[in-house]
Amino acid sequence: MLKDIILRDWDDLQKAIFDEVWDTKVKRYRDSRIYRGCSDSDWMLVPSLNRVCSHDLSLERQILRSFRKYGYAELANCQETWKLLTVAQHHGIPTRLLDWTYSPLVAAHFATEDISRYDRDGVIFCLNVPDFRPYLPQSFREELERTGGNVFSIGMLQKLSPKLKDLESQSEKPFALFFEPSSMIDRIANQYALFSVVSNPSVMLSDIITHEGIKCIRYVIPKSIKLEIRDKLDYINISERMIYPGLDGISRWITRRYSNLGPVYNKEQAEKQQKSSNTIHN
């Protein structure tokens, strides 16, 4: 069940992400929602495997086998399926995983980082992880109950389903689950990341959302406010320097920061500031 909420400015974003996150039990701000930011609002929840190999999804096994084979020297400690899958996703290998984050502001970064798409609206997808729990196979639900959580660890999945093909055998009905990778890569830790995976690679997460009537909010960031959101994220240190540790991240941040974007994409904001200034001086 998709619901679009159009954001008008930075304040709207702040209100949206803190709406309904007060936990009356502990009297603190706590939430089980997760977020995924995309620089184009037309993009849907389609994993890279399905974008690259839509003609033959069975290539997934060959892809991972080749990654393991040719990257053996650097993957000696990542031979288990779920560790390998996480590292493959991190390095841009086509997988059935989708990246998510617990941080709505990190998601806002991903929705606004690509300056080549400032002529398009961005979007932040928002899901509530416990909504997917009733549709898991019984053994998976029991494992979550045993640990008192809603998200799997790599160790839990390695025990329940050592290989990807084992997922499909768990249930005739496709299901989606979410898991946290280990913090073996700084980028994953800094992004406050987790992944979604669907048991059948030919079924999209959006298919399960629609079929089961699960709530999915899309916070749309109009192109007219993208640069405002982007600049204010920089002020609170949510930028490529933090998201992508190392020289690559610093280089990406510098390139974007010094691009001449204001005159092109902040015309409305400039006009508002000018009117406000004139009112004060008059």
Protein backbone atom coordinates (compact mmCIF):
# COMPACT_ATOMS: atom_id res chain seq x y z
CA MET A 1 0.00 0.00 0.00
CA LEU A 2 1.93 3.00 -1.31
CA LYS A 3 1.31 6.46 0.09
CA ASP A 4 3.04 9.56 -1.28
CA ILE A 5 3.80 12.53 0.98
CA ILE A 6 5.16 15.60 -0.78
CA LEU A 7 7.72 17.53 1.26
CA ARG A 8 7.73 21.31 0.92
CA ASP A 9 10.95 22.19 2.75
CA TRP A 10 13.49 21.08 5.37
CA ASP A 11 10.96 21.56 8.17
CA ASP A 12 8.56 19.18 6.46
CA LEU A 13 11.30 16.56 6.33
CA GLN A 14 11.98 16.95 10.06
CA LYS A 15 8.29 16.63 10.90
CA ALA A 16 7.88 13.56 8.70
CA ILE A 17 10.78 11.59 10.13
CA PHE A 18 9.88 12.22 13.77
CA ASP A 19 6.15 11.68 13.35
CA GLU A 20 4.82 8.86 15.55
CA VAL A 21 8.22 7.76 16.87
CA TRP A 22 7.52 8.47 20.55
CA ASP A 23 7.48 5.18 22.46
CA THR A 24 5.10 5.51 25.41
CA LYS A 25 6.48 2.34 27.03
CA VAL A 26 10.01 3.65 27.51
CA LYS A 27 9.09 7.33 27.16
CA ARG A 28 11.77 7.91 24.57
CA TYR A 29 11.99 8.39 20.81
CA ARG A 30 12.27 4.89 19.38
CA ASP A 31 11.26 3.50 16.01
CA SER A 32 11.35 0.36 13.88
CA ARG A 33 11.09 2.16 10.55
CA ILE A 34 13.74 1.92 7.85
CA TYR A 35 14.47 4.15 4.87
CA ARG A 36 15.82 4.05 1.34
CA GLY A 37 16.70 7.20 -0.57
CA CYS A 38 16.66 7.44 -4.38
CA SER A 39 17.67 10.44 -6.49
CA ASP A 40 14.77 9.86 -8.92
CA SER A 41 11.21 9.45 -7.66
CA ASP A 42 10.39 7.30 -10.69
CA TRP A 43 12.72 4.57 -9.44
CA MET A 44 11.07 1.62 -7.75
CA LEU A 45 12.29 -1.07 -5.35
CA VAL A 46 14.20 -3.09 -7.93
CA PRO A 47 17.47 -4.84 -6.93
CA SER A 48 20.54 -4.57 -9.15
CA LEU A 49 20.27 -8.26 -10.10
CA ASN A 50 16.86 -7.63 -11.65
CA ARG A 51 18.05 -4.50 -13.42
CA VAL A 52 21.16 -6.10 -14.89
CA CYS A 53 20.02 -9.70 -15.41
CA SER A 54 16.30 -9.41 -16.03
CA HIS A 55 16.78 -11.66 -19.06
CA ASP A 56 18.06 -14.54 -16.88
CA LEU A 57 17.92 -14.33 -13.09
CA SER A 58 19.55 -17.76 -12.78
CA LEU A 59 22.81 -15.94 -13.54
CA GLU A 60 22.84 -14.98 -9.85
CA ARG A 61 24.66 -18.20 -8.96
CA GLN A 62 27.25 -17.70 -11.69
CA ILE A 63 27.81 -14.10 -10.62
CA LEU A 64 28.50 -15.04 -7.00
CA ARG A 65 30.62 -18.01 -8.05
CA SER A 66 32.76 -15.76 -10.26
CA PHE A 67 33.06 -13.15 -7.51
CA ARG A 68 34.21 -15.79 -5.05
CA LYS A 69 36.59 -17.36 -7.59
CA TYR A 70 38.33 -14.26 -8.91
CA GLY A 71 38.31 -12.36 -5.64
CA TYR A 72 39.48 -15.30 -3.56
CA ALA A 73 42.56 -13.57 -2.10
CA GLU A 74 40.48 -10.75 -0.63
CA LEU A 75 37.45 -12.92 0.17
CA ALA A 76 39.17 -15.61 2.22
CA ASN A 77 37.12 -14.64 5.29
CA CYS A 78 33.86 -14.20 3.36
CA GLN A 79 33.14 -17.63 1.93
CA GLU A 80 29.82 -18.04 3.73
CA THR A 81 26.88 -17.05 1.51
CA TRP A 82 25.51 -14.15 3.54
CA LYS A 83 28.89 -12.55 4.19
CA LEU A 84 29.80 -12.94 0.52
CA LEU A 85 26.50 -11.44 -0.56
CA THR A 86 27.02 -8.40 1.67
CA VAL A 87 30.53 -7.74 0.32
CA ALA A 88 29.32 -8.29 -3.26
CA GLN A 89 26.59 -5.69 -2.78
CA HIS A 90 29.10 -3.26 -1.30
CA HIS A 91 31.37 -3.57 -4.34
CA GLY A 92 28.62 -3.13 -6.92
CA ILE A 93 28.07 -6.78 -7.91
CA PRO A 94 24.46 -7.37 -9.08
CA THR A 95 22.58 -9.01 -6.20
CA ARG A 96 19.00 -9.49 -5.06
CA LEU A 97 19.66 -7.21 -2.05
CA LEU A 98 18.31 -3.71 -1.56
CA ASP A 99 20.15 -1.23 0.66
CA TRP A 100 18.25 0.39 3.54
CA THR A 101 19.22 2.53 6.49
CA TYR A 102 17.82 3.15 9.94
CA SER A 103 18.59 6.85 9.48
CA PRO A 104 16.08 8.98 7.53
CA LEU A 105 18.72 11.66 7.10
CA VAL A 106 21.20 9.20 5.58
CA ALA A 107 18.39 8.23 3.20
CA ALA A 108 17.91 11.93 2.42
CA HIS A 109 21.61 12.06 1.54
CA PHE A 110 21.18 9.29 -1.04
CA ALA A 111 18.15 11.10 -2.46
CA THR A 112 20.12 14.31 -2.96
CA GLU A 113 23.78 13.34 -3.58
CA ASP A 114 23.63 12.94 -7.38
CA ILE A 115 23.91 16.44 -8.84
CA SER A 116 23.22 15.12 -12.35
CA ARG A 117 19.64 14.41 -11.23
CA TYR A 118 18.75 17.75 -9.68
CA ASP A 119 16.25 18.25 -12.47
CA ARG A 120 14.19 15.35 -11.06
CA ASP A 121 12.27 14.81 -7.85
CA GLY A 122 13.91 12.53 -5.29
CA VAL A 123 12.21 10.10 -2.93
CA ILE A 124 12.67 8.41 0.44
CA PHE A 125 10.94 5.06 0.89
CA CYS A 126 9.84 4.24 4.43
CA LEU A 127 8.84 0.80 5.76
CA ASN A 128 8.04 -0.58 9.19
CA VAL A 129 10.05 -3.81 9.57
CA PRO A 130 7.62 -5.62 11.96
CA ASP A 131 4.91 -5.39 9.27
CA PHE A 132 6.74 -8.15 7.35
CA ARG A 133 7.12 -10.51 10.28
CA PRO A 134 3.70 -12.28 10.02
CA TYR A 135 4.55 -13.45 6.48
CA LEU A 136 7.83 -15.14 7.39
CA PRO A 137 8.10 -18.95 7.57
CA GLN A 138 7.52 -20.30 11.07
CA SER A 139 11.18 -21.18 11.73
CA PHE A 140 12.21 -17.62 10.85
CA ARG A 141 9.53 -16.10 13.09
CA GLU A 142 10.59 -18.34 15.95
CA GLU A 143 14.22 -17.27 15.54
CA LEU A 144 13.21 -13.61 15.79
CA GLU A 145 11.09 -14.36 18.84
CA ARG A 146 14.01 -16.16 20.45
CA THR A 147 16.28 -13.17 19.98
CA GLY A 148 13.62 -10.55 20.66
CA GLY A 149 14.25 -8.64 17.44
CA ASN A 150 12.74 -7.86 14.05
CA VAL A 151 15.90 -7.98 11.94
CA PHE A 152 18.14 -10.97 11.29
CA SER A 153 21.89 -11.15 11.71
CA ILE A 154 24.18 -12.85 9.22
CA GLY A 155 24.73 -15.63 11.75
CA MET A 156 20.99 -16.25 12.11
CA LEU A 157 20.52 -16.48 8.36
CA GLN A 158 23.53 -18.72 7.92
CA LYS A 159 21.89 -21.14 10.36
CA LEU A 160 18.38 -20.91 8.91
CA SER A 161 19.31 -20.82 5.23
CA PRO A 162 22.99 -21.52 4.47
CA LYS A 163 22.47 -20.99 0.74
CA LEU A 164 20.22 -18.63 -1.19
CA LYS A 165 18.40 -21.52 -2.85
CA ASP A 166 17.36 -22.70 0.63
CA LEU A 167 15.21 -19.58 1.03
CA GLU A 168 12.72 -20.65 -1.60
CA SER A 169 12.34 -24.10 -0.07
CA GLN A 170 11.25 -22.53 3.24
CA SER A 171 7.85 -21.46 1.90
CA GLU A 172 5.74 -21.86 -1.22
CA LYS A 173 4.78 -18.21 -0.83
CA PRO A 174 7.52 -15.62 -1.48
CA PHE A 175 8.54 -13.64 1.60
CA ALA A 176 10.83 -10.74 2.42
CA LEU A 177 13.18 -10.36 5.34
CA PHE A 178 15.65 -7.77 6.58
CA PHE A 179 19.13 -8.40 7.92
CA GLU A 180 22.00 -6.42 9.36
CA PRO A 181 25.49 -7.00 7.97
CA SER A 182 28.44 -7.16 10.32
CA SER A 183 30.39 -3.92 10.62
CA MET A 184 33.35 -5.36 8.74
CA ILE A 185 33.23 -2.43 6.30
CA ASP A 186 33.34 1.15 7.65
CA ARG A 187 30.93 2.34 4.99
CA ILE A 188 28.24 -0.09 6.13
CA ALA A 189 28.60 1.02 9.75
CA ASN A 190 28.57 4.72 8.86
CA GLN A 191 25.47 4.34 6.74
CA TYR A 192 23.60 2.64 9.63
CA ALA A 193 22.79 0.05 6.99
CA LEU A 194 20.70 -3.05 6.62
CA PHE A 195 19.46 -5.03 3.63
CA SER A 196 16.24 -6.54 2.39
CA VAL A 197 16.09 -9.81 0.48
CA VAL A 198 13.18 -11.66 -1.11
CA SER A 199 13.11 -15.46 -1.11
CA ASN A 200 12.32 -15.62 -4.82
CA PRO A 201 14.51 -13.33 -6.97
CA SER A 202 11.78 -12.94 -9.58
CA VAL A 203 9.47 -11.35 -7.00
CA MET A 204 10.01 -7.71 -6.10
CA LEU A 205 9.71 -6.32 -2.59
CA SER A 206 7.05 -4.00 -3.98
CA ASP A 207 5.07 -7.06 -5.12
CA ILE A 208 4.96 -8.35 -1.54
CA ILE A 209 4.05 -4.89 -0.23
CA THR A 210 1.15 -4.66 -2.69
CA HIS A 211 -0.06 -8.26 -2.29
CA GLU A 212 -0.04 -8.21 1.52
CA GLY A 213 -1.28 -4.62 1.84
CA ILE A 214 1.82 -3.53 3.78
CA LYS A 215 2.15 0.21 4.31
CA CYS A 216 4.93 1.91 2.38
CA ILE A 217 5.36 5.68 2.59
CA ARG A 218 7.19 7.58 -0.15
CA TYR A 219 8.45 10.97 0.99
CA VAL A 220 8.84 12.85 -2.28
CA ILE A 221 11.52 15.56 -2.38
CA PRO A 222 10.55 17.97 -5.18
CA LYS A 223 13.44 19.12 -7.34
CA SER A 224 12.75 22.70 -6.22
CA ILE A 225 13.91 21.90 -2.65
CA LYS A 226 16.59 19.29 -3.36
CA LEU A 227 19.48 21.71 -3.01
CA GLU A 228 18.06 23.16 0.22
CA ILE A 229 17.87 19.66 1.74
CA ARG A 230 21.35 18.86 0.41
CA ASP A 231 23.00 21.97 1.84
CA LYS A 232 21.39 21.53 5.26
CA LEU A 233 22.49 17.90 5.40
CA ASP A 234 26.05 19.12 4.83
CA TYR A 235 25.70 21.47 7.80
CA ILE A 236 24.95 18.53 10.12
CA ASN A 237 27.80 16.44 8.65
CA ILE A 238 25.68 14.02 6.64
CA SER A 239 27.76 13.99 3.49
CA GLU A 240 30.04 11.85 1.35
CA ARG A 241 32.88 12.43 3.85
CA MET A 242 30.96 10.44 6.45
CA ILE A 243 29.00 8.07 4.19
CA TYR A 244 32.00 6.95 2.12
CA PRO A 245 35.10 6.97 4.38
CA GLY A 246 38.39 7.61 2.62
CA LEU A 247 39.69 9.72 -0.25
CA ASP A 248 36.92 8.67 -2.64
CA GLY A 249 34.27 10.09 -0.33
CA ILE A 250 36.23 13.27 0.28
CA SER A 251 36.68 13.74 -3.48
CA ARG A 252 32.97 13.24 -4.16
CA TRP A 253 32.07 15.72 -1.43
CA ILE A 254 34.50 18.38 -2.72
CA THR A 255 33.27 17.98 -6.30
CA ARG A 256 29.63 18.42 -5.31
CA ARG A 257 30.29 21.16 -2.75
CA TYR A 258 32.03 23.44 -5.24
CA SER A 259 29.69 22.82 -8.17
CA ASN A 260 27.82 25.93 -9.37
CA LEU A 261 24.36 24.61 -8.49
CA GLY A 262 22.82 27.59 -6.72
CA PRO A 263 22.03 29.84 -9.69
CA VAL A 264 20.42 26.93 -11.54
CA TYR A 265 18.47 25.11 -8.84
CA ASN A 266 17.93 27.66 -6.06
CA LYS A 267 16.16 30.42 -7.96
CA GLU A 268 12.96 30.14 -5.89
CA GLN A 269 14.92 30.06 -2.64
CA ALA A 270 16.90 33.13 -3.69
CA GLU A 271 13.70 35.01 -4.51
CA LYS A 272 12.23 34.13 -1.10
CA GLN A 273 15.38 35.32 0.66
CA GLN A 274 15.35 38.57 -1.32
CA LYS A 275 11.69 39.27 -0.46
CA SER A 276 12.37 38.53 3.19
CA SER A 277 15.37 40.86 3.18
CA ASN A 278 13.38 43.65 1.52
CA THR A 279 10.59 43.30 4.08
CA ILE A 280 13.05 43.62 6.98
CA HIS A 281 14.75 46.69 5.52
CA ASN A 282 11.46 48.39 4.68
